[in-house]
Protein backbone atom coordinates (compact mmCIF):
# COMPACT_ATOMS: atom_id res chain seq x y z
CA MET A 1 -18.88 13.40 9.74
CA SER A 2 -17.86 10.04 8.29
CA ASN A 3 -15.92 7.69 10.56
CA PHE A 4 -14.36 5.97 7.56
CA VAL A 5 -10.99 7.13 6.27
CA HIS A 6 -9.34 5.89 3.08
CA LEU A 7 -5.89 4.64 4.13
CA HIS A 8 -4.80 3.01 0.86
CA VAL A 9 -4.84 5.56 -1.95
CA HIS A 10 -2.78 5.84 -5.13
CA THR A 11 -2.50 9.27 -6.74
CA GLN A 12 -1.02 10.21 -10.10
CA TYR A 13 2.36 9.89 -8.40
CA SER A 14 1.96 6.10 -8.57
CA LEU A 15 3.27 6.43 -12.09
CA LEU A 16 1.28 4.62 -14.82
CA ASP A 17 -0.93 3.11 -12.11
CA GLY A 18 -2.70 5.73 -10.00
CA ALA A 19 -5.18 7.99 -11.76
CA ILE A 20 -6.28 10.13 -8.82
CA ARG A 21 -5.35 13.80 -8.93
CA ILE A 22 -4.82 15.33 -5.53
CA ASP A 23 -7.11 18.38 -5.56
CA PRO A 24 -10.12 16.38 -6.84
CA LEU A 25 -9.33 13.78 -4.16
CA MET A 26 -9.66 16.42 -1.46
CA LYS A 27 -12.91 17.71 -2.92
CA ARG A 28 -14.33 14.20 -2.97
CA ALA A 29 -13.24 13.48 0.61
CA LYS A 30 -14.80 16.78 1.66
CA SER A 31 -18.06 15.94 -0.11
CA PHE A 32 -18.20 12.67 1.85
CA ASN A 33 -17.57 14.55 5.12
CA MET A 34 -14.34 12.65 5.67
CA ASN A 35 -11.99 14.37 8.09
CA ALA A 36 -8.81 12.64 6.84
CA VAL A 37 -7.36 10.78 3.86
CA ALA A 38 -4.07 9.03 3.16
CA ILE A 39 -1.59 8.98 0.30
CA THR A 40 0.15 5.64 -0.27
CA ASP A 41 1.82 5.75 -3.65
CA HIS A 42 3.88 2.84 -4.92
CA GLY A 43 7.45 3.07 -3.67
CA THR A 44 7.63 6.87 -3.68
CA MET A 45 6.76 9.97 -1.70
CA PHE A 46 6.92 12.34 -4.67
CA GLY A 47 3.41 13.64 -4.06
CA THR A 48 3.75 14.26 -0.33
CA LEU A 49 4.18 18.05 -0.34
CA GLU A 50 1.38 18.69 -2.84
CA PHE A 51 -0.87 16.27 -0.95
CA TYR A 52 -0.10 17.87 2.42
CA GLU A 53 -0.72 21.42 1.24
CA SER A 54 -3.91 20.50 -0.61
CA ALA A 55 -5.27 18.63 2.41
CA LEU A 56 -4.62 21.51 4.80
CA LYS A 57 -6.25 23.93 2.38
CA ALA A 58 -9.33 21.70 2.27
CA GLY A 59 -9.44 21.33 6.05
CA ILE A 60 -8.65 17.61 5.87
CA LYS A 61 -6.05 15.79 7.95
CA PRO A 62 -3.32 14.44 5.65
CA VAL A 63 -2.09 10.94 6.45
CA ILE A 64 1.33 10.54 4.88
CA GLY A 65 2.23 7.06 3.73
CA CYS A 66 3.73 4.85 1.07
CA GLU A 67 3.03 1.40 -0.32
CA CYS A 68 6.53 0.00 -0.27
CA TYR A 69 7.98 -2.79 -2.36
CA LEU A 70 9.55 -5.41 -0.13
CA ALA A 71 12.36 -7.46 -1.67
CA PRO A 72 12.02 -11.25 -1.22
CA ARG A 73 15.62 -11.44 0.00
CA ARG A 74 18.07 -8.56 0.57
CA LEU A 75 17.74 -5.27 -1.24
CA THR A 76 21.27 -5.83 -2.57
CA ASP A 77 20.13 -9.02 -4.33
CA LYS A 78 19.32 -8.05 -7.89
CA THR A 79 18.51 -11.04 -10.06
CA SER A 80 15.55 -11.67 -12.36
CA SER A 81 13.71 -13.56 -9.63
CA ASP A 82 14.22 -10.65 -7.22
CA SER A 83 12.40 -8.30 -9.58
CA LYS A 84 9.36 -10.55 -9.94
CA SER A 85 8.69 -11.60 -6.35
CA LEU A 86 8.11 -8.26 -4.67
CA TYR A 87 5.68 -7.96 -1.77
CA HIS A 88 3.64 -4.83 -1.08
CA LEU A 89 3.43 -3.27 2.38
CA VAL A 90 1.50 -0.11 3.29
CA LEU A 91 3.28 2.19 5.75
CA LEU A 92 1.68 5.24 7.38
CA ALA A 93 3.48 7.90 9.41
CA GLU A 94 2.00 8.09 12.90
CA ASN A 95 4.17 11.00 14.04
CA GLN A 96 7.26 13.05 13.14
CA GLU A 97 9.61 10.16 13.89
CA GLY A 98 7.52 7.95 11.64
CA TYR A 99 7.62 10.53 8.87
CA ARG A 100 11.41 10.73 9.09
CA ASN A 101 11.67 6.94 9.00
CA LEU A 102 9.32 6.78 6.04
CA CYS A 103 11.51 9.30 4.21
CA GLN A 104 14.55 7.19 5.06
CA LEU A 105 12.93 4.03 3.73
CA ALA A 106 11.79 5.74 0.52
CA SER A 107 15.29 7.13 -0.03
CA ILE A 108 16.99 3.79 0.63
CA ALA A 109 14.56 2.13 -1.77
CA GLN A 110 15.51 4.53 -4.55
CA LEU A 111 19.25 4.87 -3.91
CA GLU A 112 20.22 1.39 -2.72
CA GLY A 113 17.43 -1.05 -3.44
CA PHE A 114 16.26 0.05 -6.87
CA TYR A 115 15.98 -2.84 -9.29
CA TYR A 116 13.16 -2.24 -11.77
CA LYS A 117 11.29 -0.81 -8.77
CA PRO A 118 12.39 0.96 -5.56
CA ARG A 119 12.74 -1.78 -2.92
CA ILE A 120 13.45 -2.20 0.76
CA ASP A 121 14.02 -5.40 2.72
CA LYS A 122 13.01 -6.65 6.15
CA GLU A 123 16.32 -5.75 7.78
CA VAL A 124 16.04 -2.13 6.68
CA LEU A 125 12.37 -2.12 7.61
CA ARG A 126 13.14 -3.17 11.17
CA LYS A 127 15.75 -0.42 11.53
CA HIS A 128 13.28 2.29 10.51
CA ALA A 129 9.98 1.04 11.93
CA LYS A 130 9.46 3.42 14.83
CA GLY A 131 6.55 5.80 14.47
CA LEU A 132 5.09 3.83 11.57
CA ILE A 133 1.79 2.01 11.23
CA ALA A 134 1.81 -0.92 8.80
CA LEU A 135 -1.05 -2.50 6.85
CA SER A 136 -0.75 -5.92 5.23
CA ALA A 137 -1.64 -4.48 1.81
CA CYS A 138 -3.49 -5.89 -1.20
CA LEU A 139 -3.32 -9.34 -2.79
CA HIS A 140 0.35 -8.61 -3.51
CA GLY A 141 1.18 -8.24 0.17
CA GLU A 142 3.26 -11.01 1.72
CA ILE A 143 0.48 -12.36 3.93
CA PRO A 144 -2.25 -12.36 1.24
CA PHE A 145 0.20 -13.90 -1.24
CA LEU A 146 1.07 -16.75 1.12
CA ILE A 147 -2.61 -17.33 1.83
CA GLN A 148 -3.31 -17.62 -1.90
CA GLU A 149 -0.46 -20.11 -2.17
CA GLY A 150 -2.02 -22.25 0.56
CA LYS A 151 0.86 -21.55 2.93
CA ALA A 152 -1.08 -20.78 6.10
CA LYS A 153 1.80 -21.47 8.48
CA GLN A 154 4.15 -19.15 6.60
CA ALA A 155 1.42 -16.49 6.47
CA ASP A 156 1.11 -16.67 10.27
CA GLU A 157 4.88 -16.38 10.60
CA ALA A 158 4.89 -13.30 8.38
CA ALA A 159 2.11 -11.72 10.45
CA ARG A 160 4.04 -12.38 13.66
CA PHE A 161 7.14 -10.80 12.10
CA TYR A 162 5.33 -7.57 11.25
CA LEU A 163 3.67 -7.51 14.67
CA ASP A 164 7.09 -7.85 16.28
CA VAL A 165 8.59 -5.12 14.09
CA PHE A 166 5.84 -2.52 14.50
CA GLY A 167 4.37 -3.53 17.85
CA GLU A 168 0.82 -4.07 19.05
CA GLY A 169 -1.56 -1.43 17.78
CA ASN A 170 0.71 -0.50 14.88
CA PHE A 171 0.18 -3.45 12.57
CA PHE A 172 -3.18 -4.16 10.94
CA LEU A 173 -4.47 -6.91 8.68
CA GLU A 174 -6.09 -5.40 5.62
CA VAL A 175 -9.43 -6.53 4.17
CA GLN A 176 -10.87 -5.23 0.91
CA LYS A 177 -14.12 -5.60 -1.02
CA ASN A 178 -13.27 -5.49 -4.71
CA GLY A 179 -15.30 -8.33 -6.21
CA LEU A 180 -12.32 -10.58 -6.85
CA GLU A 181 -12.73 -14.23 -5.94
CA ALA A 182 -9.16 -14.39 -4.67
CA GLN A 183 -9.84 -11.41 -2.43
CA GLU A 184 -12.85 -13.10 -0.83
CA LYS A 185 -10.70 -16.14 -0.04
CA VAL A 186 -7.99 -13.95 1.44
CA ASN A 187 -10.50 -11.90 3.43
CA GLN A 188 -11.86 -15.00 5.15
CA ALA A 189 -8.37 -16.22 6.00
CA ILE A 190 -7.45 -12.74 7.27
CA LEU A 191 -10.53 -12.70 9.52
CA ASP A 192 -9.53 -16.05 10.97
CA MET A 193 -5.93 -14.91 11.41
CA SER A 194 -7.06 -11.74 13.16
CA GLN A 195 -8.94 -13.73 15.78
CA ARG A 196 -6.26 -16.37 16.12
CA LEU A 197 -3.29 -14.00 16.48
CA SER A 198 -5.15 -11.04 18.05
CA ILE A 199 -4.13 -8.66 15.26
CA PRO A 200 -6.68 -5.92 14.47
CA LEU A 201 -8.33 -5.46 11.09
CA VAL A 202 -8.58 -2.43 8.83
CA ALA A 203 -10.91 -2.02 5.85
CA THR A 204 -9.42 -0.33 2.78
CA ASN A 205 -10.26 0.02 -0.88
CA ASP A 206 -6.86 0.26 -2.64
CA CYS A 207 -8.09 3.32 -4.54
CA HIS A 208 -6.57 4.00 -7.96
CA TYR A 209 -9.27 6.26 -9.46
CA LEU A 210 -12.12 8.40 -8.15
CA ASP A 211 -15.14 7.47 -10.28
CA LYS A 212 -16.25 4.22 -11.89
CA GLU A 213 -16.30 6.11 -15.18
CA ASP A 214 -12.51 6.41 -14.86
CA VAL A 215 -11.96 2.66 -15.12
CA ARG A 216 -11.16 2.73 -18.84
CA ALA A 217 -8.64 5.54 -18.45
CA HIS A 218 -7.04 3.57 -15.64
CA GLU A 219 -6.86 0.46 -17.83
CA VAL A 220 -5.10 2.52 -20.50
CA LEU A 221 -2.52 3.59 -17.92
CA LEU A 222 -1.91 -0.04 -16.99
CA CYS A 223 -1.56 -1.00 -20.64
CA ILE A 224 1.11 1.65 -21.11
CA GLN A 225 2.88 0.32 -18.02
CA THR A 226 2.79 -3.31 -19.16
CA GLY A 227 3.29 -2.78 -22.89
CA LYS A 228 -0.13 -4.23 -23.73
CA THR A 229 -3.08 -2.86 -25.69
CA MET A 230 -6.74 -2.62 -24.80
CA ASN A 231 -7.41 -5.33 -27.39
CA ASP A 232 -5.35 -7.90 -25.47
CA LYS A 233 -7.79 -10.13 -23.61
CA ASP A 234 -5.08 -11.19 -21.18
CA ARG A 235 -3.63 -7.69 -20.74
CA PHE A 236 -3.77 -7.97 -16.95
């Protein structure tokens, strides 16, 4: 049985972004002898029930999560700059309390924080952090973003904030291997930060499709989302 578990996965419920259908995901996890897999769609938990039922049917442990959008200020602030400076944060339910808090956060994001995307803020996050495990996310996470901006001190401060909110053993720094030059730079800084601040690492793959042959279909989805065409060289 594989010891690796995908903890950063976007299904078709990450609208116009994720291209992974849930039943094929379970079949693939099963074929790799994985005993668990997560769902972490962007800002929503729409696929949770289908994911949960499909996982149990396949004999796989479902890890319920969400990749939340974190507002740069308060979720009540809704200006053009607030819609463009969103940070990503992966949250996973560790237990029933965590699942309830995740549902609360997802609901608040939709009903109170929605501005182009469903958003939460750090104040709301702190109120509903119990029972949740947090990952620092992709290049759009707060810590990776600050690293890319050359703001090492602020990145450390952000890491300490999340560690304080979620507690030791419930916040992990995320490293990925996706071939991007920026990612390699961030990975090295994350490794250094992990040792310096004693925050554990987690390896993820930010999955958006199952097979490499699906890359073109995924690009089409992104073009629909961004209003571009496949002929645009700078479409992403």
